[in-house]
Amino acid sequence: MRARRTLRTALVAAGVTAALGASATGAFAHSAPAARTAASATHASGHCKTERVYVKTVKLADKVSRAKVFKTGKHRYEAEIWGKGLKYGTMAAKDRTAHAEHNGLHMTLHPNGTITSWVERAKPQPKPVVQRSLIASAPLADGTSTAKIYKVTANHYEADLYADGARFDTLVADGRAAYGELNGLHVVLRPDGQLSSWVDQSPTPAPSGTPSAAAEAG
């Protein structure tokens, strides 16, 4: 009967340990086998509990969390993971390394009591693809260049400018007008999609009979 009570006590202890493990963060699910191993060790040694000796506290890679490391035997260590006054869970390394992850914080506890950690970098968000709809093609004021006008959204238009078949500029009118210039050709694209252009006028030479021309000749 005494042996039965001892077994029943060990099973109850194992159940409590398992319940605590289940309430911890899912990242520490590997602690459940460690709990069963600890329960077996307790049963094998009667009512003796494994002694934990505090070793050190380690600051983890996220600069917020801490790991409290305890030695529980030869090549056996445990680490309690704490952050902002709350314990996330417990890692147990018994003759082999243990791994855990919590909100992008990765941790490894080695059988010699060393704990390392690193933070998973956030993946950059992909830039949205701009959908453009061609609404018009128009010649420009120099007589050789052209513009292809696209609608993106309301009050957002774009115009690709071409000279001799090669694109030399793209105007983006997103809520305000956009301007471009090439070799005296000026182009304006407005946020309603209207496009206008003009060419710089070369100065007209003065006629030879004007006073200014006579003065220069004198």
C-alpha atoms as a PDB file:
ATOM      1  CA  MET A   1       0.000   0.000   0.000  1.00  0.00           C
ATOM      2  CA  ARG A   2       2.870   2.385   0.723  1.00  0.00           C
ATOM      3  CA  ALA A   3       4.265   1.758  -2.760  1.00  0.00           C
ATOM      4  CA  ARG A   4       0.873   2.553  -4.274  1.00  0.00           C
ATOM      5  CA  ARG A   5       0.619   5.845  -2.396  1.00  0.00           C
ATOM      6  CA  THR A   6       4.148   6.739  -3.552  1.00  0.00           C
ATOM      7  CA  LEU A   7       3.215   5.985  -7.172  1.00  0.00           C
ATOM      8  CA  ARG A   8      -0.021   7.948  -6.835  1.00  0.00           C
ATOM      9  CA  THR A   9       1.902  10.903  -5.378  1.00  0.00           C
ATOM     10  CA  ALA A  10       4.402  10.788  -8.245  1.00  0.00           C
ATOM     11  CA  LEU A  11       1.596  10.718 -10.816  1.00  0.00           C
ATOM     12  CA  VAL A  12      -0.131  13.675  -9.172  1.00  0.00           C
ATOM     13  CA  ALA A  13       3.177  15.592  -9.170  1.00  0.00           C
ATOM     14  CA  ALA A  14       3.644  14.731 -12.839  1.00  0.00           C
ATOM     15  CA  GLY A  15       0.130  15.962 -13.593  1.00  0.00           C
ATOM     16  CA  VAL A  16       0.764  19.297 -11.868  1.00  0.00           C
ATOM     17  CA  THR A  17       4.041  19.736 -13.714  1.00  0.00           C
ATOM     18  CA  ALA A  18       2.363  18.929 -17.023  1.00  0.00           C
ATOM     19  CA  ALA A  19      -0.415  21.410 -16.277  1.00  0.00           C
ATOM     20  CA  LEU A  20       2.105  24.146 -15.590  1.00  0.00           C
ATOM     21  CA  GLY A  21       3.897  23.299 -18.811  1.00  0.00           C
ATOM     22  CA  ALA A  22       0.614  23.446 -20.740  1.00  0.00           C
ATOM     23  CA  SER A  23      -0.181  26.901 -19.362  1.00  0.00           C
ATOM     24  CA  ALA A  24       3.134  28.315 -20.543  1.00  0.00           C
ATOM     25  CA  THR A  25       3.699  29.813 -23.964  1.00  0.00           C
ATOM     26  CA  GLY A  26       3.414  27.341 -26.845  1.00  0.00           C
ATOM     27  CA  ALA A  27       7.022  28.034 -27.708  1.00  0.00           C
ATOM     28  CA  PHE A  28       8.028  26.126 -24.589  1.00  0.00           C
ATOM     29  CA  ALA A  29       6.054  22.993 -25.426  1.00  0.00           C
ATOM     30  CA  HIS A  30       9.291  21.025 -25.376  1.00  0.00           C
ATOM     31  CA  SER A  31       9.288  21.435 -21.585  1.00  0.00           C
ATOM     32  CA  ALA A  32       6.593  18.736 -21.284  1.00  0.00           C
ATOM     33  CA  PRO A  33       8.993  15.811 -21.963  1.00  0.00           C
ATOM     34  CA  ALA A  34      11.405  17.370 -19.471  1.00  0.00           C
ATOM     35  CA  ALA A  35       8.591  17.475 -16.916  1.00  0.00           C
ATOM     36  CA  ARG A  36       7.852  13.773 -17.433  1.00  0.00           C
ATOM     37  CA  THR A  37      11.567  12.990 -17.099  1.00  0.00           C
ATOM     38  CA  ALA A  38      11.701  14.989 -13.860  1.00  0.00           C
ATOM     39  CA  ALA A  39       8.637  13.111 -12.577  1.00  0.00           C
ATOM     40  CA  SER A  40      10.288   9.760 -13.362  1.00  0.00           C
ATOM     41  CA  ALA A  41      13.452  10.848 -11.591  1.00  0.00           C
ATOM     42  CA  THR A  42      11.419  11.867  -8.539  1.00  0.00           C
ATOM     43  CA  HIS A  43       9.651   8.518  -8.459  1.00  0.00           C
ATOM     44  CA  ALA A  44      12.928   6.619  -8.804  1.00  0.00           C
ATOM     45  CA  SER A  45      14.533   8.451  -5.908  1.00  0.00           C
ATOM     46  CA  GLY A  46      11.531   8.395  -3.600  1.00  0.00           C
ATOM     47  CA  HIS A  47      10.530  11.783  -2.265  1.00  0.00           C
ATOM     48  CA  CYS A  48      13.895  13.480  -3.107  1.00  0.00           C
ATOM     49  CA  LYS A  49      13.528  16.483  -5.411  1.00  0.00           C
ATOM     50  CA  THR A  50      16.235  17.553  -7.858  1.00  0.00           C
ATOM     51  CA  GLU A  51      18.162  20.423  -6.321  1.00  0.00           C
ATOM     52  CA  ARG A  52      18.448  23.523  -8.459  1.00  0.00           C
ATOM     53  CA  VAL A  53      21.448  25.746  -7.922  1.00  0.00           C
ATOM     54  CA  TYR A  54      21.238  29.281  -9.254  1.00  0.00           C
ATOM     55  CA  VAL A  55      24.093  30.031 -11.668  1.00  0.00           C
ATOM     56  CA  LYS A  56      23.511  33.377 -13.372  1.00  0.00           C
ATOM     57  CA  THR A  57      21.064  35.714 -15.098  1.00  0.00           C
ATOM     58  CA  VAL A  58      21.622  36.418 -18.783  1.00  0.00           C
ATOM     59  CA  LYS A  59      20.292  39.392 -20.746  1.00  0.00           C
ATOM     60  CA  LEU A  60      18.749  38.130 -23.983  1.00  0.00           C
ATOM     61  CA  ALA A  61      18.994  39.526 -27.492  1.00  0.00           C
ATOM     62  CA  ASP A  62      15.729  41.484 -27.422  1.00  0.00           C
ATOM     63  CA  LYS A  63      17.227  43.673 -24.638  1.00  0.00           C
ATOM     64  CA  VAL A  64      14.075  43.134 -22.558  1.00  0.00           C
ATOM     65  CA  SER A  65      13.966  39.453 -21.628  1.00  0.00           C
ATOM     66  CA  ARG A  66      16.215  37.725 -19.088  1.00  0.00           C
ATOM     67  CA  ALA A  67      17.149  34.094 -18.568  1.00  0.00           C
ATOM     68  CA  LYS A  68      17.748  32.810 -15.033  1.00  0.00           C
ATOM     69  CA  VAL A  69      20.011  29.765 -15.354  1.00  0.00           C
ATOM     70  CA  PHE A  70      20.009  26.953 -12.768  1.00  0.00           C
ATOM     71  CA  LYS A  71      22.156  23.831 -12.537  1.00  0.00           C
ATOM     72  CA  THR A  72      20.179  20.678 -11.783  1.00  0.00           C
ATOM     73  CA  GLY A  73      22.891  18.050 -12.247  1.00  0.00           C
ATOM     74  CA  LYS A  74      25.830  16.983 -14.376  1.00  0.00           C
ATOM     75  CA  HIS A  75      25.292  18.380 -17.872  1.00  0.00           C
ATOM     76  CA  ARG A  76      21.808  19.407 -16.768  1.00  0.00           C
ATOM     77  CA  TYR A  77      20.618  22.984 -16.659  1.00  0.00           C
ATOM     78  CA  GLU A  78      17.349  24.845 -16.655  1.00  0.00           C
ATOM     79  CA  ALA A  79      16.621  28.414 -17.703  1.00  0.00           C
ATOM     80  CA  GLU A  80      13.606  30.442 -16.667  1.00  0.00           C
ATOM     81  CA  ILE A  81      12.725  33.033 -19.299  1.00  0.00           C
ATOM     82  CA  TRP A  82      11.444  36.311 -17.852  1.00  0.00           C
ATOM     83  CA  GLY A  83      10.258  39.519 -19.470  1.00  0.00           C
ATOM     84  CA  LYS A  84       8.690  42.605 -17.880  1.00  0.00           C
ATOM     85  CA  GLY A  85       8.241  40.770 -14.590  1.00  0.00           C
ATOM     86  CA  LEU A  86       6.474  37.775 -16.131  1.00  0.00           C
ATOM     87  CA  LYS A  87       7.854  34.287 -16.650  1.00  0.00           C
ATOM     88  CA  TYR A  88       7.286  33.064 -20.188  1.00  0.00           C
ATOM     89  CA  GLY A  89       8.406  29.498 -19.530  1.00  0.00           C
ATOM     90  CA  THR A  90      11.284  27.205 -18.603  1.00  0.00           C
ATOM     91  CA  MET A  91      13.868  25.537 -20.823  1.00  0.00           C
ATOM     92  CA  ALA A  92      15.627  22.329 -19.763  1.00  0.00           C
ATOM     93  CA  ALA A  93      18.900  21.084 -21.285  1.00  0.00           C
ATOM     94  CA  LYS A  94      19.686  17.529 -20.153  1.00  0.00           C
ATOM     95  CA  ASP A  95      22.722  16.134 -21.974  1.00  0.00           C
ATOM     96  CA  ARG A  96      21.651  17.985 -25.132  1.00  0.00           C
ATOM     97  CA  THR A  97      20.722  21.489 -26.213  1.00  0.00           C
ATOM     98  CA  ALA A  98      17.214  22.876 -25.862  1.00  0.00           C
ATOM     99  CA  HIS A  99      15.631  25.401 -28.188  1.00  0.00           C
ATOM    100  CA  ALA A 100      12.692  27.789 -27.743  1.00  0.00           C
ATOM    101  CA  GLU A 101      11.123  30.800 -29.445  1.00  0.00           C
ATOM    102  CA  HIS A 102       8.887  33.585 -28.151  1.00  0.00           C
ATOM    103  CA  ASN A 103       7.628  36.446 -30.323  1.00  0.00           C
ATOM    104  CA  GLY A 104      10.630  36.237 -32.648  1.00  0.00           C
ATOM    105  CA  LEU A 105      13.173  35.793 -29.820  1.00  0.00           C
ATOM    106  CA  HIS A 106      15.077  32.542 -30.381  1.00  0.00           C
ATOM    107  CA  MET A 107      16.942  30.936 -27.464  1.00  0.00           C
ATOM    108  CA  THR A 108      19.288  27.968 -27.129  1.00  0.00           C
ATOM    109  CA  LEU A 109      20.292  26.449 -23.780  1.00  0.00           C
ATOM    110  CA  HIS A 110      23.379  24.206 -23.900  1.00  0.00           C
ATOM    111  CA  PRO A 111      24.226  21.298 -21.554  1.00  0.00           C
ATOM    112  CA  ASN A 112      27.117  23.350 -20.132  1.00  0.00           C
ATOM    113  CA  GLY A 113      24.720  26.076 -18.943  1.00  0.00           C
ATOM    114  CA  THR A 114      25.477  28.546 -21.711  1.00  0.00           C
ATOM    115  CA  ILE A 115      22.446  30.263 -23.220  1.00  0.00           C
ATOM    116  CA  THR A 116      22.496  32.108 -26.527  1.00  0.00           C
ATOM    117  CA  SER A 117      19.760  34.101 -28.221  1.00  0.00           C
ATOM    118  CA  TRP A 118      18.976  36.076 -31.340  1.00  0.00           C
ATOM    119  CA  VAL A 119      16.059  38.114 -32.645  1.00  0.00           C
ATOM    120  CA  GLU A 120      14.346  37.271 -35.884  1.00  0.00           C
ATOM    121  CA  ARG A 121      14.369  40.212 -38.255  1.00  0.00           C
ATOM    122  CA  ALA A 122      10.999  41.465 -39.421  1.00  0.00           C
ATOM    123  CA  LYS A 123      10.398  40.759 -43.071  1.00  0.00           C
ATOM    124  CA  PRO A 124       9.993  43.939 -45.138  1.00  0.00           C
ATOM    125  CA  GLN A 125       6.498  44.532 -46.400  1.00  0.00           C
ATOM    126  CA  PRO A 126       6.276  44.221 -50.194  1.00  0.00           C
ATOM    127  CA  LYS A 127       5.626  47.500 -51.953  1.00  0.00           C
ATOM    128  CA  PRO A 128       2.219  47.667 -53.588  1.00  0.00           C
ATOM    129  CA  VAL A 129       2.296  47.291 -57.352  1.00  0.00           C
ATOM    130  CA  VAL A 130       1.108  50.448 -59.064  1.00  0.00           C
ATOM    131  CA  GLN A 131      -1.640  49.677 -61.569  1.00  0.00           C
ATOM    132  CA  ARG A 132      -1.568  52.160 -64.440  1.00  0.00           C
ATOM    133  CA  SER A 133      -4.201  52.506 -67.168  1.00  0.00           C
ATOM    134  CA  LEU A 134      -3.192  54.142 -70.453  1.00  0.00           C
ATOM    135  CA  ILE A 135      -5.702  56.870 -71.283  1.00  0.00           C
ATOM    136  CA  ALA A 136      -3.989  58.896 -74.024  1.00  0.00           C
ATOM    137  CA  SER A 137      -0.945  59.422 -76.209  1.00  0.00           C
ATOM    138  CA  ALA A 138      -0.140  62.983 -77.244  1.00  0.00           C
ATOM    139  CA  PRO A 139       2.520  64.758 -79.342  1.00  0.00           C
ATOM    140  CA  LEU A 140       4.530  67.432 -77.566  1.00  0.00           C
ATOM    141  CA  ALA A 141       5.278  70.998 -78.601  1.00  0.00           C
ATOM    142  CA  ASP A 142       8.618  70.280 -80.280  1.00  0.00           C
ATOM    143  CA  GLY A 143       6.827  68.165 -82.901  1.00  0.00           C
ATOM    144  CA  THR A 144       8.980  65.079 -82.381  1.00  0.00           C
ATOM    145  CA  SER A 145       8.525  64.074 -78.745  1.00  0.00           C
ATOM    146  CA  THR A 146       5.451  62.266 -77.410  1.00  0.00           C
ATOM    147  CA  ALA A 147       3.795  61.552 -74.071  1.00  0.00           C
ATOM    148  CA  LYS A 148       1.854  58.504 -72.894  1.00  0.00           C
ATOM    149  CA  ILE A 149      -0.560  59.441 -70.113  1.00  0.00           C
ATOM    150  CA  TYR A 150      -1.682  56.900 -67.483  1.00  0.00           C
ATOM    151  CA  LYS A 151      -4.318  57.075 -64.776  1.00  0.00           C
ATOM    152  CA  VAL A 152      -3.337  55.502 -61.443  1.00  0.00           C
ATOM    153  CA  THR A 153      -6.084  56.743 -59.101  1.00  0.00           C
ATOM    154  CA  ALA A 154      -8.237  59.845 -58.787  1.00  0.00           C
ATOM    155  CA  ASN A 155      -5.967  62.912 -58.850  1.00  0.00           C
ATOM    156  CA  HIS A 156      -3.000  60.661 -59.593  1.00  0.00           C
ATOM    157  CA  TYR A 157      -1.731  60.535 -63.160  1.00  0.00           C
ATOM    158  CA  GLU A 158       1.606  59.696 -64.719  1.00  0.00           C
ATOM    159  CA  ALA A 159       3.110  60.537 -68.088  1.00  0.00           C
ATOM    160  CA  ASP A 160       6.020  58.794 -69.801  1.00  0.00           C
ATOM    161  CA  LEU A 161       7.876  61.220 -72.088  1.00  0.00           C
ATOM    162  CA  TYR A 162       9.619  59.925 -75.220  1.00  0.00           C
ATOM    163  CA  ALA A 163      12.115  61.519 -77.598  1.00  0.00           C
ATOM    164  CA  ASP A 164      13.330  59.656 -80.690  1.00  0.00           C
ATOM    165  CA  GLY A 165      11.583  56.532 -79.391  1.00  0.00           C
ATOM    166  CA  ALA A 166      13.450  56.507 -76.052  1.00  0.00           C
ATOM    167  CA  ARG A 167      11.837  57.420 -72.748  1.00  0.00           C
ATOM    168  CA  PHE A 168      13.629  60.354 -71.143  1.00  0.00           C
ATOM    169  CA  ASP A 169      11.366  61.128 -68.175  1.00  0.00           C
ATOM    170  CA  THR A 170       8.251  60.130 -66.224  1.00  0.00           C
ATOM    171  CA  LEU A 171       6.072  62.815 -64.669  1.00  0.00           C
ATOM    172  CA  VAL A 172       4.055  61.880 -61.569  1.00  0.00           C
ATOM    173  CA  ALA A 173       1.144  64.186 -60.733  1.00  0.00           C
ATOM    174  CA  ASP A 174      -0.173  62.825 -57.430  1.00  0.00           C
ATOM    175  CA  GLY A 175      -2.362  65.562 -55.989  1.00  0.00           C
ATOM    176  CA  ARG A 176      -0.254  68.329 -57.549  1.00  0.00           C
ATOM    177  CA  ALA A 177       1.249  69.231 -60.907  1.00  0.00           C
ATOM    178  CA  ALA A 178       4.509  67.724 -62.149  1.00  0.00           C
ATOM    179  CA  TYR A 179       7.012  69.457 -64.430  1.00  0.00           C
ATOM    180  CA  GLY A 180       9.699  68.236 -66.826  1.00  0.00           C
ATOM    181  CA  GLU A 181      12.145  69.832 -69.261  1.00  0.00           C
ATOM    182  CA  LEU A 182      14.506  68.586 -71.959  1.00  0.00           C
ATOM    183  CA  ASN A 183      16.517  70.784 -74.318  1.00  0.00           C
ATOM    184  CA  GLY A 184      14.069  73.681 -74.056  1.00  0.00           C
ATOM    185  CA  LEU A 185      10.947  71.491 -74.227  1.00  0.00           C
ATOM    186  CA  HIS A 186       8.769  72.094 -71.153  1.00  0.00           C
ATOM    187  CA  VAL A 187       6.022  69.672 -70.113  1.00  0.00           C
ATOM    188  CA  VAL A 188       3.408  70.010 -67.344  1.00  0.00           C
ATOM    189  CA  LEU A 189       1.145  67.186 -66.125  1.00  0.00           C
ATOM    190  CA  ARG A 190      -1.714  68.192 -63.837  1.00  0.00           C
ATOM    191  CA  PRO A 191      -3.401  65.943 -61.241  1.00  0.00           C
ATOM    192  CA  ASP A 192      -6.554  65.795 -63.406  1.00  0.00           C
ATOM    193  CA  GLY A 193      -4.579  64.166 -66.232  1.00  0.00           C
ATOM    194  CA  GLN A 194      -4.316  67.293 -68.428  1.00  0.00           C
ATOM    195  CA  LEU A 195      -0.932  67.704 -70.114  1.00  0.00           C
ATOM    196  CA  SER A 196       0.546  70.785 -71.780  1.00  0.00           C
ATOM    197  CA  SER A 197       3.922  71.598 -73.322  1.00  0.00           C
ATOM    198  CA  TRP A 198       5.828  74.445 -74.959  1.00  0.00           C
ATOM    199  CA  VAL A 199       9.233  75.171 -76.418  1.00  0.00           C
ATOM    200  CA  ASP A 200      11.568  77.997 -75.432  1.00  0.00           C
ATOM    201  CA  GLN A 201      11.619  80.657 -78.177  1.00  0.00           C
ATOM    202  CA  SER A 202      15.034  81.533 -79.624  1.00  0.00           C
ATOM    203  CA  PRO A 203      15.705  85.311 -79.578  1.00  0.00           C
ATOM    204  CA  THR A 204      14.838  86.931 -82.943  1.00  0.00           C
ATOM    205  CA  PRO A 205      17.897  88.616 -84.542  1.00  0.00           C
ATOM    206  CA  ALA A 206      17.531  92.396 -84.967  1.00  0.00           C
ATOM    207  CA  PRO A 207      17.100  93.676 -88.598  1.00  0.00           C
ATOM    208  CA  SER A 208      20.173  95.316 -90.117  1.00  0.00           C
ATOM    209  CA  GLY A 209      18.418  98.697 -90.489  1.00  0.00           C
ATOM    210  CA  THR A 210      17.591  99.199 -86.824  1.00  0.00           C
ATOM    211  CA  PRO A 211      19.397 101.824 -84.723  1.00  0.00           C
ATOM    212  CA  SER A 212      21.014  99.168 -82.634  1.00  0.00           C
ATOM    213  CA  ALA A 213      22.481  97.530 -85.706  1.00  0.00           C
ATOM    214  CA  ALA A 214      23.734 100.893 -86.993  1.00  0.00           C
ATOM    215  CA  ALA A 215      25.300 101.675 -83.645  1.00  0.00           C
ATOM    216  CA  GLU A 216      27.097  98.383 -83.662  1.00  0.00           C
ATOM    217  CA  ALA A 217      28.309  99.012 -87.200  1.00  0.00           C
ATOM    218  CA  GLY A 218      29.614 102.461 -86.183  1.00  0.00           C
END
